[in-house]
Amino acid sequence: MDEVPSLSPAHRAKIIAEVFEMNWPKPEENSKNPVRTTLIRCFWKDIAFTGFLAVVKLLVMYVGPVLINSFVDFSSGRKQPYEGYYLVLILLVAKIIEVLSSHHFNFHSQKIGMLIRCTVITALYKKGLRLSCSSRQAHGVGQIVNYMAVDAQQLSDLMMQLHSIWLMPFQLGVALLLLYVYMGLSALAALAAVTAVLIFGLMRTRKNNTFSIL
């Protein structure tokens, strides 16, 4: 055990549980979803940081497509030789930033997910110790274990896909804007195709959900 490094104080379950209890909504706040409110209060800075990394990753990902015309002009001899070094340098810096932001986004998203999972499991365990006999009849041991094993893990996995809710429309808008700049009105065909695919995917998802419920 001496060779295993210990967790930092901020990542220990005891400290996280105390922070969770401190941020729990007061009775006069009348929160409809106190667990969600508390988790946002505890981890909003980390979630905002991963959102910033997601935006940076998205922006630098489009540097290559933006420079396509410049590379074509350079290879056609319509630019000075030294401009080729600038183009390659810009593309190299953009790819380095993209890799760093992508890796840090994945790392911090997984870290937030693990902290949320640890927080929820600790809170459930403490709550389970204080349940009365009548409450235990409504929430048995199996149900509490299911909360810890399944629901807490789903919250942890959600962190990797959380920013896709608002980032996907932004990414789609930037891609369509680039298509319009380079292709003009022909980009409307791409927009129609994307819309058709989204509608088809939504219809299939609803039908699959209906079959799963049945």
N, C-alpha and C. Protein backbone atom coordinates (compact mmCIF):
# COMPACT_ATOMS: atom_id res chain seq x y z
N MET A 1 0.81 -1.22 0.00
CA MET A 1 0.00 0.00 0.00
C MET A 1 0.84 1.26 0.00
N ASP A 2 2.09 1.15 0.51
CA ASP A 2 2.96 2.33 0.53
C ASP A 2 3.33 2.78 -0.88
N GLU A 3 3.27 1.86 -1.84
CA GLU A 3 3.63 2.21 -3.21
C GLU A 3 2.46 2.74 -4.03
N VAL A 4 1.26 2.70 -3.47
CA VAL A 4 0.07 3.19 -4.18
C VAL A 4 -0.15 4.65 -3.77
N PRO A 5 -0.13 5.56 -4.72
CA PRO A 5 -0.34 6.97 -4.36
C PRO A 5 -1.76 7.21 -3.88
N SER A 6 -1.92 8.08 -2.90
CA SER A 6 -3.23 8.37 -2.34
C SER A 6 -3.92 9.45 -3.16
N LEU A 7 -5.25 9.49 -3.05
CA LEU A 7 -6.02 10.50 -3.74
C LEU A 7 -5.79 11.87 -3.13
N SER A 8 -5.95 12.89 -3.96
CA SER A 8 -5.89 14.25 -3.44
C SER A 8 -7.10 14.50 -2.55
N PRO A 9 -7.01 15.40 -1.57
CA PRO A 9 -8.14 15.62 -0.66
C PRO A 9 -9.43 16.01 -1.39
N ALA A 10 -9.32 16.74 -2.47
CA ALA A 10 -10.53 17.20 -3.18
C ALA A 10 -11.27 16.07 -3.86
N HIS A 11 -10.60 14.91 -4.06
CA HIS A 11 -11.21 13.79 -4.76
C HIS A 11 -11.64 12.67 -3.82
N ARG A 12 -11.50 12.85 -2.53
CA ARG A 12 -11.88 11.81 -1.59
C ARG A 12 -13.37 11.85 -1.31
N ALA A 13 -13.95 10.68 -1.09
CA ALA A 13 -15.40 10.58 -0.92
C ALA A 13 -15.89 11.39 0.28
N LYS A 14 -15.12 11.43 1.34
CA LYS A 14 -15.54 12.16 2.53
C LYS A 14 -15.68 13.65 2.24
N ILE A 15 -14.69 14.21 1.55
CA ILE A 15 -14.72 15.64 1.25
C ILE A 15 -15.83 15.94 0.25
N ILE A 16 -15.97 15.09 -0.77
CA ILE A 16 -17.00 15.32 -1.79
C ILE A 16 -18.39 15.25 -1.16
N ALA A 17 -18.59 14.30 -0.24
CA ALA A 17 -19.89 14.19 0.42
C ALA A 17 -20.20 15.43 1.25
N GLU A 18 -19.21 15.99 1.90
CA GLU A 18 -19.43 17.21 2.68
C GLU A 18 -19.80 18.38 1.78
N VAL A 19 -19.12 18.49 0.64
CA VAL A 19 -19.45 19.56 -0.31
C VAL A 19 -20.87 19.36 -0.86
N PHE A 20 -21.23 18.11 -1.12
CA PHE A 20 -22.57 17.80 -1.61
C PHE A 20 -23.64 18.21 -0.60
N GLU A 21 -23.42 17.92 0.66
CA GLU A 21 -24.39 18.27 1.70
C GLU A 21 -24.46 19.79 1.89
N MET A 22 -23.33 20.48 1.75
CA MET A 22 -23.33 21.94 1.90
C MET A 22 -24.13 22.62 0.79
N ASN A 23 -24.11 22.06 -0.41
CA ASN A 23 -24.80 22.66 -1.55
C ASN A 23 -26.22 22.16 -1.73
N TRP A 24 -26.69 21.30 -0.84
CA TRP A 24 -28.06 20.79 -0.97
C TRP A 24 -29.05 21.94 -0.79
N PRO A 25 -30.05 22.05 -1.65
CA PRO A 25 -31.00 23.19 -1.56
C PRO A 25 -31.71 23.24 -0.22
N LYS A 26 -31.89 24.45 0.27
CA LYS A 26 -32.61 24.65 1.52
C LYS A 26 -34.11 24.46 1.30
N PRO A 27 -34.86 24.16 2.36
CA PRO A 27 -36.31 23.92 2.20
C PRO A 27 -37.05 25.09 1.58
N GLU A 28 -36.62 26.33 1.87
CA GLU A 28 -37.34 27.48 1.32
C GLU A 28 -37.08 27.68 -0.18
N GLU A 29 -36.10 26.99 -0.75
CA GLU A 29 -35.83 27.13 -2.17
C GLU A 29 -36.84 26.35 -3.03
N ASN A 30 -37.48 25.36 -2.46
CA ASN A 30 -38.51 24.57 -3.18
C ASN A 30 -37.97 24.01 -4.50
N SER A 31 -36.84 23.38 -4.44
CA SER A 31 -36.24 22.82 -5.65
C SER A 31 -36.99 21.57 -6.08
N LYS A 32 -37.36 21.50 -7.37
CA LYS A 32 -38.09 20.34 -7.88
C LYS A 32 -37.16 19.14 -8.09
N ASN A 33 -35.91 19.40 -8.35
CA ASN A 33 -34.93 18.32 -8.54
C ASN A 33 -33.68 18.66 -7.74
N PRO A 34 -33.69 18.40 -6.44
CA PRO A 34 -32.56 18.82 -5.59
C PRO A 34 -31.24 18.14 -5.93
N VAL A 35 -31.31 16.88 -6.41
CA VAL A 35 -30.06 16.19 -6.75
C VAL A 35 -29.38 16.88 -7.93
N ARG A 36 -30.15 17.19 -8.96
CA ARG A 36 -29.58 17.89 -10.12
C ARG A 36 -29.03 19.26 -9.73
N THR A 37 -29.80 19.99 -8.93
CA THR A 37 -29.36 21.32 -8.50
C THR A 37 -28.06 21.24 -7.71
N THR A 38 -27.97 20.26 -6.82
CA THR A 38 -26.76 20.12 -6.00
C THR A 38 -25.56 19.74 -6.84
N LEU A 39 -25.73 18.81 -7.78
CA LEU A 39 -24.62 18.40 -8.63
C LEU A 39 -24.13 19.56 -9.49
N ILE A 40 -25.05 20.39 -9.99
CA ILE A 40 -24.64 21.55 -10.79
C ILE A 40 -23.87 22.53 -9.92
N ARG A 41 -24.33 22.75 -8.70
CA ARG A 41 -23.61 23.66 -7.81
C ARG A 41 -22.22 23.15 -7.46
N CYS A 42 -22.09 21.84 -7.35
CA CYS A 42 -20.79 21.27 -6.97
C CYS A 42 -19.80 21.25 -8.13
N PHE A 43 -20.28 21.01 -9.35
CA PHE A 43 -19.36 20.74 -10.47
C PHE A 43 -19.55 21.69 -11.65
N TRP A 44 -20.18 22.84 -11.45
CA TRP A 44 -20.44 23.72 -12.59
C TRP A 44 -19.15 24.29 -13.18
N LYS A 45 -18.15 24.51 -12.35
CA LYS A 45 -16.88 25.03 -12.89
C LYS A 45 -16.20 23.99 -13.78
N ASP A 46 -16.19 22.74 -13.35
CA ASP A 46 -15.58 21.69 -14.17
C ASP A 46 -16.37 21.46 -15.46
N ILE A 47 -17.70 21.52 -15.36
CA ILE A 47 -18.53 21.33 -16.56
C ILE A 47 -18.30 22.48 -17.54
N ALA A 48 -18.20 23.72 -17.02
CA ALA A 48 -17.93 24.86 -17.90
C ALA A 48 -16.56 24.75 -18.55
N PHE A 49 -15.57 24.23 -17.82
CA PHE A 49 -14.23 24.07 -18.40
C PHE A 49 -14.22 23.04 -19.52
N THR A 50 -14.91 21.93 -19.32
CA THR A 50 -14.99 20.93 -20.39
C THR A 50 -15.77 21.48 -21.59
N GLY A 51 -16.77 22.34 -21.34
CA GLY A 51 -17.46 22.98 -22.45
C GLY A 51 -16.54 23.89 -23.24
N PHE A 52 -15.68 24.62 -22.54
CA PHE A 52 -14.70 25.46 -23.23
C PHE A 52 -13.74 24.62 -24.07
N LEU A 53 -13.30 23.49 -23.53
CA LEU A 53 -12.42 22.60 -24.29
C LEU A 53 -13.13 22.04 -25.52
N ALA A 54 -14.42 21.74 -25.38
CA ALA A 54 -15.18 21.22 -26.52
C ALA A 54 -15.30 22.26 -27.63
N VAL A 55 -15.49 23.53 -27.26
CA VAL A 55 -15.58 24.59 -28.26
C VAL A 55 -14.24 24.79 -28.96
N VAL A 56 -13.15 24.77 -28.19
CA VAL A 56 -11.82 24.91 -28.79
C VAL A 56 -11.54 23.76 -29.75
N LYS A 57 -11.87 22.55 -29.35
CA LYS A 57 -11.67 21.39 -30.22
C LYS A 57 -12.47 21.52 -31.50
N LEU A 58 -13.69 22.02 -31.39
CA LEU A 58 -14.53 22.17 -32.58
C LEU A 58 -13.99 23.23 -33.53
N LEU A 59 -13.54 24.36 -32.97
CA LEU A 59 -13.07 25.46 -33.81
C LEU A 59 -11.79 25.09 -34.57
N VAL A 60 -10.83 24.49 -33.88
CA VAL A 60 -9.56 24.17 -34.55
C VAL A 60 -9.74 23.00 -35.51
N MET A 61 -10.82 22.22 -35.34
CA MET A 61 -11.05 21.11 -36.25
C MET A 61 -11.38 21.60 -37.66
N TYR A 62 -11.90 22.83 -37.76
CA TYR A 62 -12.27 23.38 -39.06
C TYR A 62 -11.16 24.22 -39.68
N VAL A 63 -10.01 24.30 -39.05
CA VAL A 63 -8.91 25.06 -39.64
C VAL A 63 -8.46 24.43 -40.96
N GLY A 64 -8.37 23.10 -40.98
CA GLY A 64 -7.96 22.39 -42.20
C GLY A 64 -8.87 22.69 -43.39
N PRO A 65 -10.20 22.51 -43.24
CA PRO A 65 -11.09 22.84 -44.36
C PRO A 65 -11.02 24.30 -44.79
N VAL A 66 -10.80 25.21 -43.85
CA VAL A 66 -10.71 26.63 -44.21
C VAL A 66 -9.47 26.91 -45.05
N LEU A 67 -8.38 26.17 -44.82
CA LEU A 67 -7.12 26.40 -45.53
C LEU A 67 -7.03 25.64 -46.85
N ILE A 68 -8.07 24.92 -47.23
CA ILE A 68 -7.98 24.12 -48.46
C ILE A 68 -7.70 25.00 -49.67
N ASN A 69 -8.44 26.10 -49.81
CA ASN A 69 -8.23 26.98 -50.96
C ASN A 69 -6.83 27.56 -50.97
N SER A 70 -6.32 27.89 -49.80
CA SER A 70 -4.96 28.45 -49.73
C SER A 70 -3.92 27.42 -50.16
N PHE A 71 -4.11 26.16 -49.76
CA PHE A 71 -3.18 25.11 -50.19
C PHE A 71 -3.28 24.87 -51.70
N VAL A 72 -4.49 24.94 -52.23
CA VAL A 72 -4.66 24.77 -53.68
C VAL A 72 -3.98 25.90 -54.43
N ASP A 73 -4.14 27.14 -53.95
CA ASP A 73 -3.49 28.28 -54.60
C ASP A 73 -1.97 28.17 -54.52
N PHE A 74 -1.48 27.67 -53.38
CA PHE A 74 -0.03 27.54 -53.24
C PHE A 74 0.52 26.47 -54.18
N SER A 75 -0.17 25.33 -54.25
CA SER A 75 0.30 24.27 -55.15
C SER A 75 0.17 24.65 -56.61
N SER A 76 -0.69 25.61 -56.94
CA SER A 76 -0.84 26.08 -58.32
C SER A 76 0.14 27.18 -58.67
N GLY A 77 0.95 27.59 -57.71
CA GLY A 77 1.95 28.62 -57.97
C GLY A 77 1.43 30.03 -57.86
N ARG A 78 0.25 30.23 -57.29
CA ARG A 78 -0.30 31.57 -57.17
C ARG A 78 0.06 32.24 -55.84
N LYS A 79 0.88 31.62 -55.05
CA LYS A 79 1.35 32.20 -53.80
C LYS A 79 2.86 32.13 -53.73
N GLN A 80 3.44 32.97 -52.89
CA GLN A 80 4.89 32.99 -52.71
C GLN A 80 5.34 31.72 -51.98
N PRO A 81 6.59 31.28 -52.24
CA PRO A 81 7.06 30.03 -51.60
C PRO A 81 7.03 30.08 -50.07
N TYR A 82 7.35 31.26 -49.49
CA TYR A 82 7.39 31.32 -48.04
C TYR A 82 6.00 31.18 -47.42
N GLU A 83 4.94 31.46 -48.20
CA GLU A 83 3.59 31.34 -47.65
C GLU A 83 3.22 29.88 -47.38
N GLY A 84 3.87 28.96 -48.10
CA GLY A 84 3.63 27.55 -47.82
C GLY A 84 4.06 27.16 -46.43
N TYR A 85 5.17 27.73 -45.94
CA TYR A 85 5.62 27.44 -44.57
C TYR A 85 4.59 27.95 -43.56
N TYR A 86 4.01 29.14 -43.82
CA TYR A 86 3.00 29.66 -42.91
C TYR A 86 1.77 28.75 -42.85
N LEU A 87 1.37 28.27 -44.03
CA LEU A 87 0.19 27.39 -44.06
C LEU A 87 0.43 26.09 -43.30
N VAL A 88 1.60 25.50 -43.51
CA VAL A 88 1.93 24.26 -42.81
C VAL A 88 2.04 24.50 -41.30
N LEU A 89 2.64 25.64 -40.92
CA LEU A 89 2.79 25.96 -39.50
C LEU A 89 1.43 26.16 -38.85
N ILE A 90 0.53 26.88 -39.53
CA ILE A 90 -0.81 27.09 -38.98
C ILE A 90 -1.54 25.76 -38.81
N LEU A 91 -1.45 24.90 -39.82
CA LEU A 91 -2.11 23.60 -39.74
C LEU A 91 -1.51 22.74 -38.63
N LEU A 92 -0.20 22.80 -38.45
CA LEU A 92 0.46 22.03 -37.39
C LEU A 92 0.01 22.50 -36.02
N VAL A 93 -0.01 23.82 -35.80
CA VAL A 93 -0.43 24.37 -34.50
C VAL A 93 -1.89 24.00 -34.22
N ALA A 94 -2.73 24.09 -35.26
CA ALA A 94 -4.15 23.75 -35.09
C ALA A 94 -4.32 22.29 -34.69
N LYS A 95 -3.56 21.39 -35.31
CA LYS A 95 -3.68 19.97 -34.97
C LYS A 95 -3.16 19.68 -33.56
N ILE A 96 -2.11 20.38 -33.17
CA ILE A 96 -1.59 20.20 -31.80
C ILE A 96 -2.64 20.64 -30.78
N ILE A 97 -3.26 21.81 -31.03
CA ILE A 97 -4.30 22.29 -30.12
C ILE A 97 -5.50 21.35 -30.12
N GLU A 98 -5.84 20.82 -31.29
CA GLU A 98 -6.98 19.90 -31.37
C GLU A 98 -6.72 18.63 -30.56
N VAL A 99 -5.51 18.08 -30.67
CA VAL A 99 -5.18 16.86 -29.93
C VAL A 99 -5.17 17.12 -28.42
N LEU A 100 -4.55 18.24 -28.01
CA LEU A 100 -4.48 18.55 -26.58
C LEU A 100 -5.88 18.80 -26.00
N SER A 101 -6.67 19.60 -26.69
CA SER A 101 -8.01 19.89 -26.19
C SER A 101 -8.89 18.64 -26.16
N SER A 102 -8.74 17.77 -27.16
CA SER A 102 -9.52 16.53 -27.19
C SER A 102 -9.15 15.61 -26.03
N HIS A 103 -7.86 15.46 -25.79
CA HIS A 103 -7.42 14.57 -24.71
C HIS A 103 -7.81 15.14 -23.35
N HIS A 104 -7.64 16.45 -23.16
CA HIS A 104 -8.02 17.04 -21.89
C HIS A 104 -9.53 17.00 -21.69
N PHE A 105 -10.29 17.16 -22.77
CA PHE A 105 -11.75 17.06 -22.67
C PHE A 105 -12.17 15.66 -22.21
N ASN A 106 -11.58 14.64 -22.82
CA ASN A 106 -11.92 13.27 -22.43
C ASN A 106 -11.51 12.98 -20.98
N PHE A 107 -10.32 13.44 -20.61
CA PHE A 107 -9.82 13.19 -19.26
C PHE A 107 -10.70 13.87 -18.21
N HIS A 108 -10.98 15.16 -18.40
CA HIS A 108 -11.76 15.90 -17.40
C HIS A 108 -13.22 15.43 -17.39
N SER A 109 -13.76 15.04 -18.53
CA SER A 109 -15.13 14.52 -18.55
C SER A 109 -15.21 13.22 -17.77
N GLN A 110 -14.25 12.34 -17.97
CA GLN A 110 -14.24 11.09 -17.20
C GLN A 110 -14.02 11.35 -15.71
N LYS A 111 -13.18 12.34 -15.39
CA LYS A 111 -12.94 12.66 -13.98
C LYS A 111 -14.21 13.19 -13.33
N ILE A 112 -14.92 14.09 -14.02
CA ILE A 112 -16.17 14.60 -13.48
C ILE A 112 -17.18 13.47 -13.29
N GLY A 113 -17.25 12.57 -14.27
CA GLY A 113 -18.16 11.45 -14.15
C GLY A 113 -17.85 10.57 -12.95
N MET A 114 -16.58 10.31 -12.71
CA MET A 114 -16.20 9.50 -11.55
C MET A 114 -16.52 10.22 -10.24
N LEU A 115 -16.29 11.54 -10.19
CA LEU A 115 -16.59 12.29 -8.98
C LEU A 115 -18.10 12.30 -8.71
N ILE A 116 -18.89 12.49 -9.76
CA ILE A 116 -20.35 12.49 -9.59
C ILE A 116 -20.82 11.11 -9.13
N ARG A 117 -20.26 10.06 -9.71
CA ARG A 117 -20.64 8.70 -9.31
C ARG A 117 -20.29 8.47 -7.84
N CYS A 118 -19.11 8.90 -7.45
CA CYS A 118 -18.69 8.74 -6.06
C CYS A 118 -19.60 9.54 -5.13
N THR A 119 -19.96 10.76 -5.55
CA THR A 119 -20.83 11.60 -4.73
C THR A 119 -22.20 10.98 -4.53
N VAL A 120 -22.79 10.50 -5.62
CA VAL A 120 -24.14 9.93 -5.55
C VAL A 120 -24.14 8.65 -4.71
N ILE A 121 -23.15 7.79 -4.91
CA ILE A 121 -23.09 6.55 -4.14
C ILE A 121 -22.94 6.84 -2.64
N THR A 122 -22.07 7.80 -2.29
CA THR A 122 -21.89 8.15 -0.89
C THR A 122 -23.17 8.72 -0.28
N ALA A 123 -23.85 9.59 -1.05
CA ALA A 123 -25.10 10.17 -0.55
C ALA A 123 -26.18 9.10 -0.37
N LEU A 124 -26.25 8.16 -1.31
CA LEU A 124 -27.23 7.08 -1.20
C LEU A 124 -26.92 6.19 0.01
N TYR A 125 -25.65 5.92 0.23
CA TYR A 125 -25.28 5.06 1.37
C TYR A 125 -25.66 5.74 2.69
N LYS A 126 -25.36 7.04 2.79
CA LYS A 126 -25.72 7.75 4.03
C LYS A 126 -27.23 7.82 4.21
N LYS A 127 -27.93 8.03 3.10
CA LYS A 127 -29.39 8.09 3.18
C LYS A 127 -29.95 6.72 3.58
N GLY A 128 -29.36 5.65 3.05
CA GLY A 128 -29.82 4.31 3.40
C GLY A 128 -29.65 3.98 4.87
N LEU A 129 -28.63 4.54 5.52
CA LEU A 129 -28.42 4.29 6.94
C LEU A 129 -29.47 4.97 7.81
N ARG A 130 -30.11 6.03 7.27
CA ARG A 130 -31.08 6.79 8.06
C ARG A 130 -32.53 6.43 7.74
N LEU A 131 -32.75 5.46 6.88
CA LEU A 131 -34.12 5.10 6.50
C LEU A 131 -34.85 4.44 7.68
N SER A 132 -36.11 4.79 7.80
CA SER A 132 -36.93 4.16 8.83
C SER A 132 -37.43 2.81 8.34
N CYS A 133 -38.08 2.08 9.22
CA CYS A 133 -38.59 0.74 8.84
C CYS A 133 -39.64 0.84 7.75
N SER A 134 -40.52 1.83 7.84
CA SER A 134 -41.55 1.99 6.80
C SER A 134 -40.93 2.38 5.47
N SER A 135 -39.89 3.20 5.50
CA SER A 135 -39.22 3.60 4.26
C SER A 135 -38.49 2.43 3.63
N ARG A 136 -37.96 1.54 4.45
CA ARG A 136 -37.25 0.38 3.90
C ARG A 136 -38.20 -0.57 3.18
N GLN A 137 -39.47 -0.57 3.55
CA GLN A 137 -40.42 -1.40 2.84
C GLN A 137 -40.68 -0.86 1.42
N ALA A 138 -40.64 0.47 1.28
CA ALA A 138 -40.83 1.07 -0.04
C ALA A 138 -39.55 1.05 -0.87
N HIS A 139 -38.41 1.12 -0.20
CA HIS A 139 -37.10 1.12 -0.89
C HIS A 139 -36.26 0.01 -0.26
N GLY A 140 -36.32 -1.15 -0.87
CA GLY A 140 -35.58 -2.29 -0.35
C GLY A 140 -34.10 -2.20 -0.67
N VAL A 141 -33.37 -3.18 -0.16
CA VAL A 141 -31.91 -3.21 -0.37
C VAL A 141 -31.59 -3.34 -1.86
N GLY A 142 -32.35 -4.18 -2.55
CA GLY A 142 -32.08 -4.36 -3.98
C GLY A 142 -32.27 -3.09 -4.76
N GLN A 143 -33.30 -2.31 -4.42
CA GLN A 143 -33.54 -1.05 -5.14
C GLN A 143 -32.45 -0.04 -4.84
N ILE A 144 -32.00 0.02 -3.61
CA ILE A 144 -30.92 0.95 -3.25
C ILE A 144 -29.63 0.57 -3.97
N VAL A 145 -29.32 -0.73 -4.01
CA VAL A 145 -28.13 -1.19 -4.73
C VAL A 145 -28.25 -0.88 -6.21
N ASN A 146 -29.45 -0.98 -6.76
CA ASN A 146 -29.66 -0.64 -8.17
C ASN A 146 -29.39 0.84 -8.41
N TYR A 147 -29.81 1.69 -7.46
CA TYR A 147 -29.50 3.12 -7.58
C TYR A 147 -28.00 3.34 -7.63
N MET A 148 -27.28 2.64 -6.76
CA MET A 148 -25.83 2.84 -6.69
C MET A 148 -25.11 2.30 -7.92
N ALA A 149 -25.55 1.14 -8.39
CA ALA A 149 -24.81 0.47 -9.47
C ALA A 149 -25.20 0.99 -10.85
N VAL A 150 -26.49 1.25 -11.07
CA VAL A 150 -26.97 1.60 -12.41
C VAL A 150 -27.15 3.10 -12.58
N ASP A 151 -27.94 3.72 -11.74
CA ASP A 151 -28.24 5.13 -11.91
C ASP A 151 -27.01 6.01 -11.74
N ALA A 152 -26.19 5.69 -10.75
CA ALA A 152 -24.97 6.47 -10.55
C ALA A 152 -24.03 6.32 -11.74
N GLN A 153 -23.94 5.12 -12.31
CA GLN A 153 -23.09 4.90 -13.48
C GLN A 153 -23.64 5.64 -14.70
N GLN A 154 -24.96 5.72 -14.84
CA GLN A 154 -25.54 6.47 -15.95
C GLN A 154 -25.23 7.95 -15.85
N LEU A 155 -25.24 8.49 -14.66
CA LEU A 155 -24.84 9.89 -14.48
C LEU A 155 -23.38 10.09 -14.83
N SER A 156 -22.55 9.11 -14.48
CA SER A 156 -21.13 9.19 -14.83
C SER A 156 -20.91 9.15 -16.34
N ASP A 157 -21.62 8.26 -17.02
CA ASP A 157 -21.48 8.15 -18.47
C ASP A 157 -22.04 9.38 -19.19
N LEU A 158 -22.98 10.06 -18.57
CA LEU A 158 -23.60 11.23 -19.19
C LEU A 158 -22.60 12.35 -19.43
N MET A 159 -21.57 12.43 -18.61
CA MET A 159 -20.63 13.54 -18.72
C MET A 159 -19.88 13.55 -20.05
N MET A 160 -19.67 12.38 -20.64
CA MET A 160 -18.97 12.32 -21.92
C MET A 160 -19.84 12.85 -23.07
N GLN A 161 -21.17 12.80 -22.91
CA GLN A 161 -22.08 13.21 -23.98
C GLN A 161 -22.86 14.48 -23.63
N LEU A 162 -22.59 15.07 -22.49
CA LEU A 162 -23.40 16.19 -22.03
C LEU A 162 -23.34 17.37 -23.00
N HIS A 163 -22.15 17.72 -23.45
CA HIS A 163 -22.00 18.91 -24.29
C HIS A 163 -22.46 18.67 -25.73
N SER A 164 -22.71 17.44 -26.09
CA SER A 164 -23.20 17.18 -27.44
C SER A 164 -24.60 17.74 -27.65
N ILE A 165 -25.34 17.99 -26.56
CA ILE A 165 -26.70 18.50 -26.68
C ILE A 165 -26.71 19.86 -27.36
N TRP A 166 -25.77 20.73 -26.96
CA TRP A 166 -25.72 22.07 -27.56
C TRP A 166 -24.61 22.20 -28.58
N LEU A 167 -23.61 21.30 -28.51
CA LEU A 167 -22.47 21.42 -29.42
C LEU A 167 -22.80 20.89 -30.82
N MET A 168 -23.66 19.89 -30.91
CA MET A 168 -23.99 19.32 -32.20
C MET A 168 -24.67 20.32 -33.14
N PRO A 169 -25.69 21.08 -32.69
CA PRO A 169 -26.24 22.11 -33.59
C PRO A 169 -25.22 23.16 -34.00
N PHE A 170 -24.35 23.55 -33.07
CA PHE A 170 -23.31 24.53 -33.39
C PHE A 170 -22.34 23.97 -34.43
N GLN A 171 -21.94 22.73 -34.27
CA GLN A 171 -21.05 22.08 -35.22
C GLN A 171 -21.72 21.97 -36.59
N LEU A 172 -22.99 21.62 -36.61
CA LEU A 172 -23.72 21.51 -37.87
C LEU A 172 -23.84 22.87 -38.56
N GLY A 173 -24.08 23.92 -37.77
CA GLY A 173 -24.18 25.26 -38.34
C GLY A 173 -22.88 25.74 -38.96
N VAL A 174 -21.75 25.48 -38.28
CA VAL A 174 -20.45 25.87 -38.81
C VAL A 174 -20.15 25.11 -40.10
N ALA A 175 -20.46 23.81 -40.13
CA ALA A 175 -20.20 23.02 -41.33
C ALA A 175 -21.03 23.51 -42.51
N LEU A 176 -22.31 23.83 -42.27
CA LEU A 176 -23.16 24.34 -43.35
C LEU A 176 -22.70 25.72 -43.81
N LEU A 177 -22.21 26.53 -42.89
CA LEU A 177 -21.69 27.84 -43.26
C LEU A 177 -20.47 27.72 -44.17
N LEU A 178 -19.58 26.79 -43.84
CA LEU A 178 -18.40 26.57 -44.70
C LEU A 178 -18.82 26.05 -46.07
N LEU A 179 -19.80 25.16 -46.10
CA LEU A 179 -20.28 24.66 -47.39
C LEU A 179 -20.88 25.80 -48.23
N TYR A 180 -21.59 26.70 -47.56
CA TYR A 180 -22.19 27.82 -48.30
C TYR A 180 -21.11 28.77 -48.83
N VAL A 181 -20.05 28.98 -48.05
CA VAL A 181 -18.97 29.88 -48.50
C VAL A 181 -18.27 29.31 -49.71
N TYR A 182 -18.03 28.00 -49.72
CA TYR A 182 -17.25 27.39 -50.81
C TYR A 182 -18.13 26.92 -51.97
N MET A 183 -19.38 26.58 -51.71
CA MET A 183 -20.23 25.99 -52.74
C MET A 183 -21.43 26.85 -53.12
N GLY A 184 -21.73 27.88 -52.34
CA GLY A 184 -22.85 28.73 -52.66
C GLY A 184 -24.18 28.06 -52.34
N LEU A 185 -25.14 28.28 -53.22
CA LEU A 185 -26.49 27.75 -52.99
C LEU A 185 -26.54 26.22 -53.05
N SER A 186 -25.50 25.59 -53.57
CA SER A 186 -25.49 24.12 -53.59
C SER A 186 -25.48 23.54 -52.19
N ALA A 187 -25.10 24.36 -51.20
CA ALA A 187 -25.10 23.87 -49.82
C ALA A 187 -26.51 23.58 -49.33
N LEU A 188 -27.52 24.15 -49.99
CA LEU A 188 -28.90 23.87 -49.59
C LEU A 188 -29.24 22.40 -49.78
N ALA A 189 -28.63 21.77 -50.79
CA ALA A 189 -28.85 20.34 -50.97
C ALA A 189 -28.32 19.55 -49.79
N ALA A 190 -27.16 19.96 -49.27
CA ALA A 190 -26.60 19.31 -48.09
C ALA A 190 -27.50 19.52 -46.88
N LEU A 191 -28.05 20.74 -46.75
CA LEU A 191 -28.96 21.02 -45.64
C LEU A 191 -30.21 20.15 -45.72
N ALA A 192 -30.75 20.00 -46.94
CA ALA A 192 -31.93 19.15 -47.11
C ALA A 192 -31.62 17.70 -46.76
N ALA A 193 -30.45 17.22 -47.18
CA ALA A 193 -30.08 15.84 -46.88
C ALA A 193 -29.90 15.63 -45.38
N VAL A 194 -29.26 16.58 -44.71
CA VAL A 194 -29.06 16.46 -43.27
C VAL A 194 -30.39 16.48 -42.54
N THR A 195 -31.29 17.36 -42.96
CA THR A 195 -32.61 17.43 -42.34
C THR A 195 -33.38 16.12 -42.51
N ALA A 196 -33.31 15.55 -43.71
CA ALA A 196 -33.99 14.28 -43.96
C ALA A 196 -33.43 13.17 -43.08
N VAL A 197 -32.11 13.13 -42.93
CA VAL A 197 -31.48 12.10 -42.08
C VAL A 197 -31.89 12.28 -40.62
N LEU A 198 -31.95 13.54 -40.16
CA LEU A 198 -32.35 13.79 -38.77
C LEU A 198 -33.80 13.37 -38.52
N ILE A 199 -34.68 13.69 -39.46
CA ILE A 199 -36.08 13.30 -39.30
C ILE A 199 -36.22 11.78 -39.31
N PHE A 200 -35.50 11.13 -40.21
CA PHE A 200 -35.57 9.67 -40.27
C PHE A 200 -35.03 9.04 -38.98
N GLY A 201 -33.90 9.57 -38.48
CA GLY A 201 -33.34 9.05 -37.24
C GLY A 201 -34.27 9.26 -36.05
N LEU A 202 -34.95 10.42 -36.01
CA LEU A 202 -35.88 10.68 -34.92
C LEU A 202 -37.07 9.72 -34.96
N MET A 203 -37.59 9.47 -36.16
CA MET A 203 -38.72 8.55 -36.29
C MET A 203 -38.33 7.14 -35.90
N ARG A 204 -37.16 6.70 -36.32
CA ARG A 204 -36.72 5.34 -35.97
C ARG A 204 -36.46 5.21 -34.47
N THR A 205 -35.93 6.28 -33.85
CA THR A 205 -35.66 6.22 -32.42
C THR A 205 -36.96 6.11 -31.64
N ARG A 206 -37.97 6.89 -32.03
CA ARG A 206 -39.26 6.80 -31.34
C ARG A 206 -39.88 5.43 -31.49
N LYS A 207 -39.77 4.85 -32.69
CA LYS A 207 -40.34 3.53 -32.90
C LYS A 207 -39.60 2.47 -32.08
N ASN A 208 -38.29 2.59 -32.02
CA ASN A 208 -37.52 1.63 -31.20
C ASN A 208 -37.87 1.76 -29.73
N ASN A 209 -38.07 3.00 -29.25
CA ASN A 209 -38.46 3.19 -27.86
C ASN A 209 -39.83 2.58 -27.59
N THR A 210 -40.74 2.71 -28.56
CA THR A 210 -42.07 2.12 -28.41
C THR A 210 -41.99 0.59 -28.30
N PHE A 211 -41.16 -0.02 -29.17
CA PHE A 211 -41.00 -1.47 -29.12
C PHE A 211 -40.34 -1.93 -27.83
N SER A 212 -39.37 -1.16 -27.33
CA SER A 212 -38.70 -1.55 -26.10
C SER A 212 -39.64 -1.49 -24.90
N ILE A 213 -40.56 -0.50 -24.92
CA ILE A 213 -41.54 -0.40 -23.82
C ILE A 213 -42.51 -1.58 -23.87
N LEU A 214 -42.94 -1.94 -25.10
CA LEU A 214 -43.86 -3.07 -25.22
C LEU A 214 -43.19 -4.38 -24.84
